[in-house]
Amino acid sequence: MNLSKSMILSMIVLNGIIFHDAYAYIDPGSGSVVIQMLIGALVGVGIAVKVFWVKLKYKFQSLFKK
């Protein structure tokens, strides 16, 4: 078990030393997916805040009506 962990660690280290450049790029399709994910996350957070705010408002309204 210990030997396999050391082999994996040495392979990761050697991979980082030997291969330096990836020559990779982000195409426009990937950029648009990232932008869509950010917009979707912002909309989701906005809806969650709105739902929480409405529940909190009704809770305080019922509390102060009594």
PDB file of N, CA and C in Angstrom:
ATOM      1  N   MET A   1       0.829  -1.188   0.000  1.00  0.00           N
ATOM      2  CA  MET A   1       0.000   0.000   0.000  1.00  0.00           C
ATOM      3  C   MET A   1       0.872   1.250   0.000  1.00  0.00           C
ATOM      4  N   ASN A   2       1.890   1.281   0.819  1.00  0.00           N
ATOM      5  CA  ASN A   2       2.770   2.421   0.925  1.00  0.00           C
ATOM      6  C   ASN A   2       3.574   2.599  -0.363  1.00  0.00           C
ATOM      7  N   LEU A   3       3.941   1.489  -1.006  1.00  0.00           N
ATOM      8  CA  LEU A   3       4.703   1.545  -2.242  1.00  0.00           C
ATOM      9  C   LEU A   3       3.882   2.177  -3.358  1.00  0.00           C
ATOM     10  N   SER A   4       2.600   1.875  -3.442  1.00  0.00           N
ATOM     11  CA  SER A   4       1.770   2.440  -4.496  1.00  0.00           C
ATOM     12  C   SER A   4       1.582   3.945  -4.294  1.00  0.00           C
ATOM     13  N   LYS A   5       1.480   4.397  -3.045  1.00  0.00           N
ATOM     14  CA  LYS A   5       1.354   5.830  -2.785  1.00  0.00           C
ATOM     15  C   LYS A   5       2.616   6.566  -3.198  1.00  0.00           C
ATOM     16  N   SER A   6       3.780   5.980  -2.915  1.00  0.00           N
ATOM     17  CA  SER A   6       5.033   6.630  -3.292  1.00  0.00           C
ATOM     18  C   SER A   6       5.216   6.627  -4.802  1.00  0.00           C
ATOM     19  N   MET A   7       4.751   5.576  -5.479  1.00  0.00           N
ATOM     20  CA  MET A   7       4.842   5.537  -6.940  1.00  0.00           C
ATOM     21  C   MET A   7       3.950   6.608  -7.562  1.00  0.00           C
ATOM     22  N   ILE A   8       2.741   6.761  -7.044  1.00  0.00           N
ATOM     23  CA  ILE A   8       1.821   7.774  -7.569  1.00  0.00           C
ATOM     24  C   ILE A   8       2.391   9.157  -7.330  1.00  0.00           C
ATOM     25  N   LEU A   9       2.929   9.407  -6.152  1.00  0.00           N
ATOM     26  CA  LEU A   9       3.513  10.709  -5.847  1.00  0.00           C
ATOM     27  C   LEU A   9       4.701  11.003  -6.750  1.00  0.00           C
ATOM     28  N   SER A  10       5.563  10.010  -6.973  1.00  0.00           N
ATOM     29  CA  SER A  10       6.717  10.232  -7.841  1.00  0.00           C
ATOM     30  C   SER A  10       6.279  10.457  -9.283  1.00  0.00           C
ATOM     31  N   MET A  11       5.221   9.793  -9.736  1.00  0.00           N
ATOM     32  CA  MET A  11       4.727  10.011 -11.094  1.00  0.00           C
ATOM     33  C   MET A  11       4.173  11.420 -11.253  1.00  0.00           C
ATOM     34  N   ILE A  12       3.469  11.923 -10.230  1.00  0.00           N
ATOM     35  CA  ILE A  12       2.929  13.277 -10.285  1.00  0.00           C
ATOM     36  C   ILE A  12       4.064  14.300 -10.316  1.00  0.00           C
ATOM     37  N   VAL A  13       5.075  14.097  -9.489  1.00  0.00           N
ATOM     38  CA  VAL A  13       6.208  15.028  -9.450  1.00  0.00           C
ATOM     39  C   VAL A  13       6.957  15.006 -10.776  1.00  0.00           C
ATOM     40  N   LEU A  14       7.237  13.826 -11.304  1.00  0.00           N
ATOM     41  CA  LEU A  14       7.939  13.729 -12.586  1.00  0.00           C
ATOM     42  C   LEU A  14       7.121  14.327 -13.715  1.00  0.00           C
ATOM     43  N   ASN A  15       5.828  14.161 -13.694  1.00  0.00           N
ATOM     44  CA  ASN A  15       4.966  14.742 -14.713  1.00  0.00           C
ATOM     45  C   ASN A  15       5.048  16.266 -14.665  1.00  0.00           C
ATOM     46  N   GLY A  16       5.118  16.835 -13.485  1.00  0.00           N
ATOM     47  CA  GLY A  16       5.233  18.284 -13.360  1.00  0.00           C
ATOM     48  C   GLY A  16       6.579  18.802 -13.795  1.00  0.00           C
ATOM     49  N   ILE A  17       7.622  17.997 -13.649  1.00  0.00           N
ATOM     50  CA  ILE A  17       8.965  18.430 -14.035  1.00  0.00           C
ATOM     51  C   ILE A  17       9.180  18.277 -15.533  1.00  0.00           C
ATOM     52  N   ILE A  18       8.736  17.185 -16.104  1.00  0.00           N
ATOM     53  CA  ILE A  18       9.039  16.888 -17.509  1.00  0.00           C
ATOM     54  C   ILE A  18       8.187  17.721 -18.459  1.00  0.00           C
ATOM     55  N   PHE A  19       6.894  17.800 -18.243  1.00  0.00           N
ATOM     56  CA  PHE A  19       6.001  18.498 -19.155  1.00  0.00           C
ATOM     57  C   PHE A  19       5.744  19.910 -18.635  1.00  0.00           C
ATOM     58  N   HIS A  20       6.273  20.897 -19.333  1.00  0.00           N
ATOM     59  CA  HIS A  20       6.146  22.275 -18.873  1.00  0.00           C
ATOM     60  C   HIS A  20       4.982  23.003 -19.528  1.00  0.00           C
ATOM     61  N   ASP A  21       4.919  23.013 -20.847  1.00  0.00           N
ATOM     62  CA  ASP A  21       3.933  23.813 -21.564  1.00  0.00           C
ATOM     63  C   ASP A  21       2.830  22.930 -22.127  1.00  0.00           C
ATOM     64  N   ALA A  22       1.612  23.413 -22.001  1.00  0.00           N
ATOM     65  CA  ALA A  22       0.477  22.666 -22.521  1.00  0.00           C
ATOM     66  C   ALA A  22       0.040  23.201 -23.876  1.00  0.00           C
ATOM     67  N   TYR A  23       0.357  24.454 -24.180  1.00  0.00           N
ATOM     68  CA  TYR A  23      -0.065  25.108 -25.411  1.00  0.00           C
ATOM     69  C   TYR A  23      -1.574  24.971 -25.600  1.00  0.00           C
ATOM     70  N   ALA A  24      -2.307  25.216 -24.550  1.00  0.00           N
ATOM     71  CA  ALA A  24      -3.752  25.099 -24.574  1.00  0.00           C
ATOM     72  C   ALA A  24      -4.373  26.484 -24.686  1.00  0.00           C
ATOM     73  N   TYR A  25      -5.606  26.512 -25.099  1.00  0.00           N
ATOM     74  CA  TYR A  25      -6.340  27.767 -25.212  1.00  0.00           C
ATOM     75  C   TYR A  25      -7.787  27.514 -24.831  1.00  0.00           C
ATOM     76  N   ILE A  26      -8.487  28.595 -24.544  1.00  0.00           N
ATOM     77  CA  ILE A  26      -9.915  28.502 -24.244  1.00  0.00           C
ATOM     78  C   ILE A  26     -10.653  29.040 -25.459  1.00  0.00           C
ATOM     79  N   ASP A  27     -11.416  28.195 -26.106  1.00  0.00           N
ATOM     80  CA  ASP A  27     -12.151  28.632 -27.289  1.00  0.00           C
ATOM     81  C   ASP A  27     -13.394  29.429 -26.867  1.00  0.00           C
ATOM     82  N   PRO A  28     -14.008  30.143 -27.798  1.00  0.00           N
ATOM     83  CA  PRO A  28     -15.171  30.968 -27.452  1.00  0.00           C
ATOM     84  C   PRO A  28     -16.336  30.164 -26.866  1.00  0.00           C
ATOM     85  N   GLY A  29     -16.491  28.940 -27.267  1.00  0.00           N
ATOM     86  CA  GLY A  29     -17.556  28.105 -26.715  1.00  0.00           C
ATOM     87  C   GLY A  29     -17.370  27.864 -25.232  1.00  0.00           C
ATOM     88  N   SER A  30     -16.139  27.630 -24.805  1.00  0.00           N
ATOM     89  CA  SER A  30     -15.865  27.425 -23.382  1.00  0.00           C
ATOM     90  C   SER A  30     -16.087  28.706 -22.595  1.00  0.00           C
ATOM     91  N   GLY A  31     -15.699  29.827 -23.178  1.00  0.00           N
ATOM     92  CA  GLY A  31     -15.908  31.111 -22.508  1.00  0.00           C
ATOM     93  C   GLY A  31     -17.384  31.400 -22.310  1.00  0.00           C
ATOM     94  N   SER A  32     -18.199  31.082 -23.320  1.00  0.00           N
ATOM     95  CA  SER A  32     -19.630  31.346 -23.183  1.00  0.00           C
ATOM     96  C   SER A  32     -20.265  30.423 -22.140  1.00  0.00           C
ATOM     97  N   VAL A  33     -19.768  29.209 -22.016  1.00  0.00           N
ATOM     98  CA  VAL A  33     -20.288  28.295 -20.994  1.00  0.00           C
ATOM     99  C   VAL A  33     -19.959  28.831 -19.600  1.00  0.00           C
ATOM    100  N   VAL A  34     -18.755  29.347 -19.428  1.00  0.00           N
ATOM    101  CA  VAL A  34     -18.372  29.908 -18.129  1.00  0.00           C
ATOM    102  C   VAL A  34     -19.253  31.111 -17.801  1.00  0.00           C
ATOM    103  N   ILE A  35     -19.490  31.973 -18.775  1.00  0.00           N
ATOM    104  CA  ILE A  35     -20.346  33.148 -18.557  1.00  0.00           C
ATOM    105  C   ILE A  35     -21.770  32.706 -18.216  1.00  0.00           C
ATOM    106  N   GLN A  36     -22.295  31.709 -18.900  1.00  0.00           N
ATOM    107  CA  GLN A  36     -23.636  31.212 -18.604  1.00  0.00           C
ATOM    108  C   GLN A  36     -23.710  30.631 -17.196  1.00  0.00           C
ATOM    109  N   MET A  37     -22.658  29.945 -16.772  1.00  0.00           N
ATOM    110  CA  MET A  37     -22.650  29.394 -15.416  1.00  0.00           C
ATOM    111  C   MET A  37     -22.645  30.510 -14.374  1.00  0.00           C
ATOM    112  N   LEU A  38     -21.875  31.563 -14.608  1.00  0.00           N
ATOM    113  CA  LEU A  38     -21.848  32.685 -13.670  1.00  0.00           C
ATOM    114  C   LEU A  38     -23.197  33.384 -13.598  1.00  0.00           C
ATOM    115  N   ILE A  39     -23.810  33.610 -14.748  1.00  0.00           N
ATOM    116  CA  ILE A  39     -25.126  34.253 -14.772  1.00  0.00           C
ATOM    117  C   ILE A  39     -26.160  33.369 -14.076  1.00  0.00           C
ATOM    118  N   GLY A  40     -26.130  32.079 -14.340  1.00  0.00           N
ATOM    119  CA  GLY A  40     -27.058  31.155 -13.688  1.00  0.00           C
ATOM    120  C   GLY A  40     -26.873  31.117 -12.185  1.00  0.00           C
ATOM    121  N   ALA A  41     -25.624  31.160 -11.734  1.00  0.00           N
ATOM    122  CA  ALA A  41     -25.368  31.172 -10.292  1.00  0.00           C
ATOM    123  C   ALA A  41     -25.894  32.456  -9.665  1.00  0.00           C
ATOM    124  N   LEU A  42     -25.687  33.584 -10.325  1.00  0.00           N
ATOM    125  CA  LEU A  42     -26.189  34.850  -9.789  1.00  0.00           C
ATOM    126  C   LEU A  42     -27.710  34.873  -9.723  1.00  0.00           C
ATOM    127  N   VAL A  43     -28.367  34.360 -10.762  1.00  0.00           N
ATOM    128  CA  VAL A  43     -29.834  34.305 -10.757  1.00  0.00           C
ATOM    129  C   VAL A  43     -30.324  33.370  -9.657  1.00  0.00           C
ATOM    130  N   GLY A  44     -29.666  32.232  -9.490  1.00  0.00           N
ATOM    131  CA  GLY A  44     -30.050  31.289  -8.434  1.00  0.00           C
ATOM    132  C   GLY A  44     -29.907  31.887  -7.043  1.00  0.00           C
ATOM    133  N   VAL A  45     -28.814  32.602  -6.815  1.00  0.00           N
ATOM    134  CA  VAL A  45     -28.622  33.256  -5.520  1.00  0.00           C
ATOM    135  C   VAL A  45     -29.681  34.331  -5.313  1.00  0.00           C
ATOM    136  N   GLY A  46     -30.004  35.073  -6.363  1.00  0.00           N
ATOM    137  CA  GLY A  46     -31.033  36.110  -6.256  1.00  0.00           C
ATOM    138  C   GLY A  46     -32.392  35.535  -5.899  1.00  0.00           C
ATOM    139  N   ILE A  47     -32.753  34.433  -6.521  1.00  0.00           N
ATOM    140  CA  ILE A  47     -34.045  33.800  -6.227  1.00  0.00           C
ATOM    141  C   ILE A  47     -34.053  33.238  -4.806  1.00  0.00           C
ATOM    142  N   ALA A  48     -32.935  32.642  -4.380  1.00  0.00           N
ATOM    143  CA  ALA A  48     -32.866  32.105  -3.021  1.00  0.00           C
ATOM    144  C   ALA A  48     -33.001  33.225  -1.988  1.00  0.00           C
ATOM    145  N   VAL A  49     -32.362  34.365  -2.238  1.00  0.00           N
ATOM    146  CA  VAL A  49     -32.468  35.500  -1.320  1.00  0.00           C
ATOM    147  C   VAL A  49     -33.892  36.026  -1.293  1.00  0.00           C
ATOM    148  N   LYS A  50     -34.539  36.094  -2.454  1.00  0.00           N
ATOM    149  CA  LYS A  50     -35.914  36.588  -2.503  1.00  0.00           C
ATOM    150  C   LYS A  50     -36.856  35.673  -1.723  1.00  0.00           C
ATOM    151  N   VAL A  51     -36.724  34.367  -1.902  1.00  0.00           N
ATOM    152  CA  VAL A  51     -37.580  33.414  -1.189  1.00  0.00           C
ATOM    153  C   VAL A  51     -37.345  33.526   0.318  1.00  0.00           C
ATOM    154  N   PHE A  52     -36.087  33.612   0.719  1.00  0.00           N
ATOM    155  CA  PHE A  52     -35.774  33.744   2.144  1.00  0.00           C
ATOM    156  C   PHE A  52     -36.326  35.052   2.693  1.00  0.00           C
ATOM    157  N   TRP A  53     -36.200  36.134   1.934  1.00  0.00           N
ATOM    158  CA  TRP A  53     -36.681  37.439   2.387  1.00  0.00           C
ATOM    159  C   TRP A  53     -38.201  37.435   2.565  1.00  0.00           C
ATOM    160  N   VAL A  54     -38.921  36.809   1.628  1.00  0.00           N
ATOM    161  CA  VAL A  54     -40.385  36.758   1.734  1.00  0.00           C
ATOM    162  C   VAL A  54     -40.796  35.948   2.962  1.00  0.00           C
ATOM    163  N   LYS A  55     -40.141  34.823   3.200  1.00  0.00           N
ATOM    164  CA  LYS A  55     -40.463  34.015   4.380  1.00  0.00           C
ATOM    165  C   LYS A  55     -40.165  34.780   5.659  1.00  0.00           C
ATOM    166  N   LEU A  56     -39.049  35.495   5.681  1.00  0.00           N
ATOM    167  CA  LEU A  56     -38.694  36.280   6.845  1.00  0.00           C
ATOM    168  C   LEU A  56     -39.680  37.426   7.068  1.00  0.00           C
ATOM    169  N   LYS A  57     -40.124  38.059   5.988  1.00  0.00           N
ATOM    170  CA  LYS A  57     -41.082  39.156   6.090  1.00  0.00           C
ATOM    171  C   LYS A  57     -42.417  38.667   6.635  1.00  0.00           C
ATOM    172  N   TYR A  58     -42.910  37.538   6.146  1.00  0.00           N
ATOM    173  CA  TYR A  58     -44.172  36.992   6.648  1.00  0.00           C
ATOM    174  C   TYR A  58     -44.052  36.579   8.114  1.00  0.00           C
ATOM    175  N   LYS A  59     -42.901  36.081   8.491  1.00  0.00           N
ATOM    176  CA  LYS A  59     -42.689  35.682   9.879  1.00  0.00           C
ATOM    177  C   LYS A  59     -42.777  36.898  10.804  1.00  0.00           C
ATOM    178  N   PHE A  60     -42.123  38.005  10.417  1.00  0.00           N
ATOM    179  CA  PHE A  60     -42.173  39.211  11.245  1.00  0.00           C
ATOM    180  C   PHE A  60     -43.555  39.865  11.212  1.00  0.00           C
ATOM    181  N   GLN A  61     -44.241  39.784  10.089  1.00  0.00           N
ATOM    182  CA  GLN A  61     -45.593  40.352  10.026  1.00  0.00           C
ATOM    183  C   GLN A  61     -46.535  39.608  10.954  1.00  0.00           C
ATOM    184  N   SER A  62     -46.435  38.300  10.963  1.00  0.00           N
ATOM    185  CA  SER A  62     -47.310  37.519  11.854  1.00  0.00           C
ATOM    186  C   SER A  62     -46.913  37.733  13.312  1.00  0.00           C
ATOM    187  N   LEU A  63     -45.657  37.991  13.576  1.00  0.00           N
ATOM    188  CA  LEU A  63     -45.189  38.209  14.937  1.00  0.00           C
ATOM    189  C   LEU A  63     -45.684  39.559  15.477  1.00  0.00           C
ATOM    190  N   PHE A  64     -45.642  40.583  14.647  1.00  0.00           N
ATOM    191  CA  PHE A  64     -46.030  41.931  15.108  1.00  0.00           C
ATOM    192  C   PHE A  64     -47.529  42.171  15.047  1.00  0.00           C
ATOM    193  N   LYS A  65     -48.281  41.332  14.339  1.00  0.00           N
ATOM    194  CA  LYS A  65     -49.749  41.490  14.302  1.00  0.00           C
ATOM    195  C   LYS A  65     -50.365  41.089  15.623  1.00  0.00           C
ATOM    196  N   LYS A  66     -49.758  40.190  16.319  1.00  0.00           N
ATOM    197  CA  LYS A  66     -50.334  39.665  17.577  1.00  0.00           C
ATOM    198  C   LYS A  66     -50.266  40.660  18.666  1.00  0.00           C
TER     199      LYS A  66
END
